Amino acid sequence: MSEREPPDPLAGLGERIDRARAERVREQATVGDRSALQQGIGFGFRIGIELVVAIGVATGLGWAIDRWLGTRPWGIIVLFFLGVAAGMLNVYRAVSGISTPVGFRRPDGANAAAGARPDAWDDDEN
């Protein structure tokens, strides 16, 4: 009979650690995918809500103007379409990442590339 060496306890421990690390990496990848999905769903809800609210508020104002001035249905019709336009503009700004106020200049030099001085306003001469 041959003598067998006892198994190395550190080798078994190393294998278990490697398996645990691999499992942790898989779990973190799954959690990362979930957070990206949740961000996408949140962004989609934001877009939908902005569009619906813009149309609803404009239509409500049109209804109030029609009742006040007695111009039925022209206030609702005109302000409904203005609300659709405002909602679409909000959606475009959200999707394209335009979230800066009017007249705001980025400090990254994007204006210098266009030939304007970085400290010049729109009404200043170059």
Protein backbone atom coordinates (compact mmCIF):
# COMPACT_ATOMS: atom_id res chain seq x y z
CA MET A 1 0.00 0.00 0.00
CA SER A 2 1.21 3.43 -0.81
CA GLU A 3 1.15 6.23 1.61
CA ARG A 4 -1.02 9.14 0.63
CA GLU A 5 -0.15 12.62 1.68
CA PRO A 6 -2.86 14.42 3.58
CA PRO A 7 -4.64 17.05 1.46
CA ASP A 8 -3.27 20.52 1.75
CA PRO A 9 -5.82 22.62 3.69
CA LEU A 10 -4.57 25.86 2.15
CA ALA A 11 -5.11 24.60 -1.40
CA GLY A 12 -8.75 23.77 -0.61
CA LEU A 13 -9.17 27.17 1.04
CA GLY A 14 -7.74 28.91 -2.04
CA GLU A 15 -10.18 27.11 -4.32
CA ARG A 16 -13.14 28.08 -2.13
CA ILE A 17 -11.97 31.72 -2.07
CA ASP A 18 -11.68 31.76 -5.87
CA ARG A 19 -15.21 30.33 -6.23
CA ALA A 20 -16.59 32.91 -3.79
CA ARG A 21 -14.88 35.75 -5.66
CA ALA A 22 -16.24 34.55 -9.00
CA GLU A 23 -19.74 34.36 -7.52
CA ARG A 24 -19.42 37.87 -6.07
CA VAL A 25 -18.35 39.25 -9.46
CA ARG A 26 -21.41 37.64 -11.08
CA GLU A 27 -23.71 39.13 -8.43
CA GLN A 28 -22.21 42.59 -8.83
CA ALA A 29 -22.63 42.40 -12.61
CA THR A 30 -26.30 41.52 -12.09
CA VAL A 31 -26.78 44.38 -9.64
CA GLY A 32 -25.12 46.79 -12.11
CA ASP A 33 -27.51 45.68 -14.84
CA ARG A 34 -30.45 46.25 -12.49
CA SER A 35 -29.37 49.77 -11.64
CA ALA A 36 -28.94 50.62 -15.32
CA LEU A 37 -32.41 49.23 -15.98
CA GLN A 38 -33.87 51.27 -13.13
CA GLN A 39 -32.19 54.42 -14.45
CA GLY A 40 -33.64 53.76 -17.89
CA ILE A 41 -37.13 53.20 -16.50
CA GLY A 42 -36.85 56.37 -14.40
CA PHE A 43 -35.75 58.37 -17.43
CA GLY A 44 -38.64 56.98 -19.46
CA PHE A 45 -41.15 57.91 -16.76
CA ARG A 46 -39.64 61.41 -16.60
CA ILE A 47 -40.07 61.86 -20.35
CA GLY A 48 -43.66 60.63 -20.29
CA ILE A 49 -44.64 62.72 -17.31
CA GLU A 50 -43.09 65.89 -18.74
CA LEU A 51 -45.01 65.44 -21.98
CA VAL A 52 -48.35 64.66 -20.31
CA VAL A 53 -48.04 67.45 -17.74
CA ALA A 54 -47.17 70.06 -20.37
CA ILE A 55 -50.22 69.09 -22.43
CA GLY A 56 -52.50 68.88 -19.38
CA VAL A 57 -51.48 72.25 -17.95
CA ALA A 58 -51.78 74.01 -21.29
CA THR A 59 -55.18 72.45 -21.99
CA GLY A 60 -56.37 73.40 -18.49
CA LEU A 61 -55.27 76.99 -19.06
CA GLY A 62 -57.08 76.97 -22.41
CA TRP A 63 -60.25 75.74 -20.73
CA ALA A 64 -59.97 78.46 -18.05
CA ILE A 65 -59.40 81.15 -20.68
CA ASP A 66 -62.39 79.87 -22.68
CA ARG A 67 -64.65 80.06 -19.61
CA TRP A 68 -63.35 83.51 -18.69
CA LEU A 69 -63.56 85.07 -22.17
CA GLY A 70 -66.32 82.91 -23.63
CA THR A 71 -64.27 81.89 -26.67
CA ARG A 72 -65.11 78.20 -26.67
CA PRO A 73 -63.30 76.01 -28.04
CA TRP A 74 -60.48 78.16 -29.43
CA GLY A 75 -58.51 78.59 -26.21
CA ILE A 76 -58.41 74.86 -25.58
CA ILE A 77 -57.41 74.10 -29.17
CA VAL A 78 -54.66 76.71 -29.38
CA LEU A 79 -53.20 76.01 -25.95
CA PHE A 80 -53.42 72.24 -26.50
CA PHE A 81 -51.11 72.53 -29.49
CA LEU A 82 -48.84 74.92 -27.62
CA GLY A 83 -48.71 72.36 -24.80
CA VAL A 84 -47.78 69.62 -27.27
CA ALA A 85 -45.00 71.83 -28.63
CA ALA A 86 -43.74 72.67 -25.13
CA GLY A 87 -43.85 68.99 -24.12
CA MET A 88 -41.94 67.92 -27.21
CA LEU A 89 -39.35 70.63 -26.55
CA ASN A 90 -38.94 69.34 -22.97
CA VAL A 91 -38.55 65.79 -24.24
CA TYR A 92 -35.96 66.90 -26.80
CA ARG A 93 -34.00 68.78 -24.14
CA ALA A 94 -34.09 65.81 -21.77
CA VAL A 95 -33.03 63.30 -24.43
CA SER A 96 -30.26 65.42 -25.92
CA GLY A 97 -28.94 66.47 -22.52
CA ILE A 98 -29.65 70.16 -22.93
CA SER A 99 -30.41 71.24 -19.40
CA THR A 100 -28.72 74.61 -19.23
CA PRO A 101 -30.71 77.82 -18.90
CA VAL A 102 -30.96 80.31 -21.73
CA GLY A 103 -27.85 82.47 -22.03
CA PHE A 104 -25.65 80.11 -20.01
CA ARG A 105 -22.23 79.45 -21.46
CA ARG A 106 -20.25 76.30 -20.82
CA PRO A 107 -16.77 76.87 -19.43
CA ASP A 108 -15.29 74.05 -21.56
CA GLY A 109 -14.32 76.36 -24.43
CA ALA A 110 -17.08 75.26 -26.81
CA ASN A 111 -17.70 78.93 -27.61
CA ALA A 112 -14.03 79.58 -28.36
CA ALA A 113 -14.13 76.88 -31.01
CA ALA A 114 -16.98 78.76 -32.70
CA GLY A 115 -14.84 81.90 -32.93
CA ALA A 116 -16.36 83.82 -30.03
CA ARG A 117 -14.53 85.08 -26.99
CA PRO A 118 -15.21 82.89 -23.97
CA ASP A 119 -16.27 85.91 -21.88
CA ALA A 120 -18.44 87.58 -24.55
CA TRP A 121 -22.23 87.72 -24.32
CA ASP A 122 -24.57 87.17 -27.23
CA ASP A 123 -25.06 90.90 -27.79
CA ASP A 124 -21.34 91.80 -27.50
CA GLU A 125 -19.38 92.43 -30.65
CA ASN A 126 -16.39 90.20 -31.35
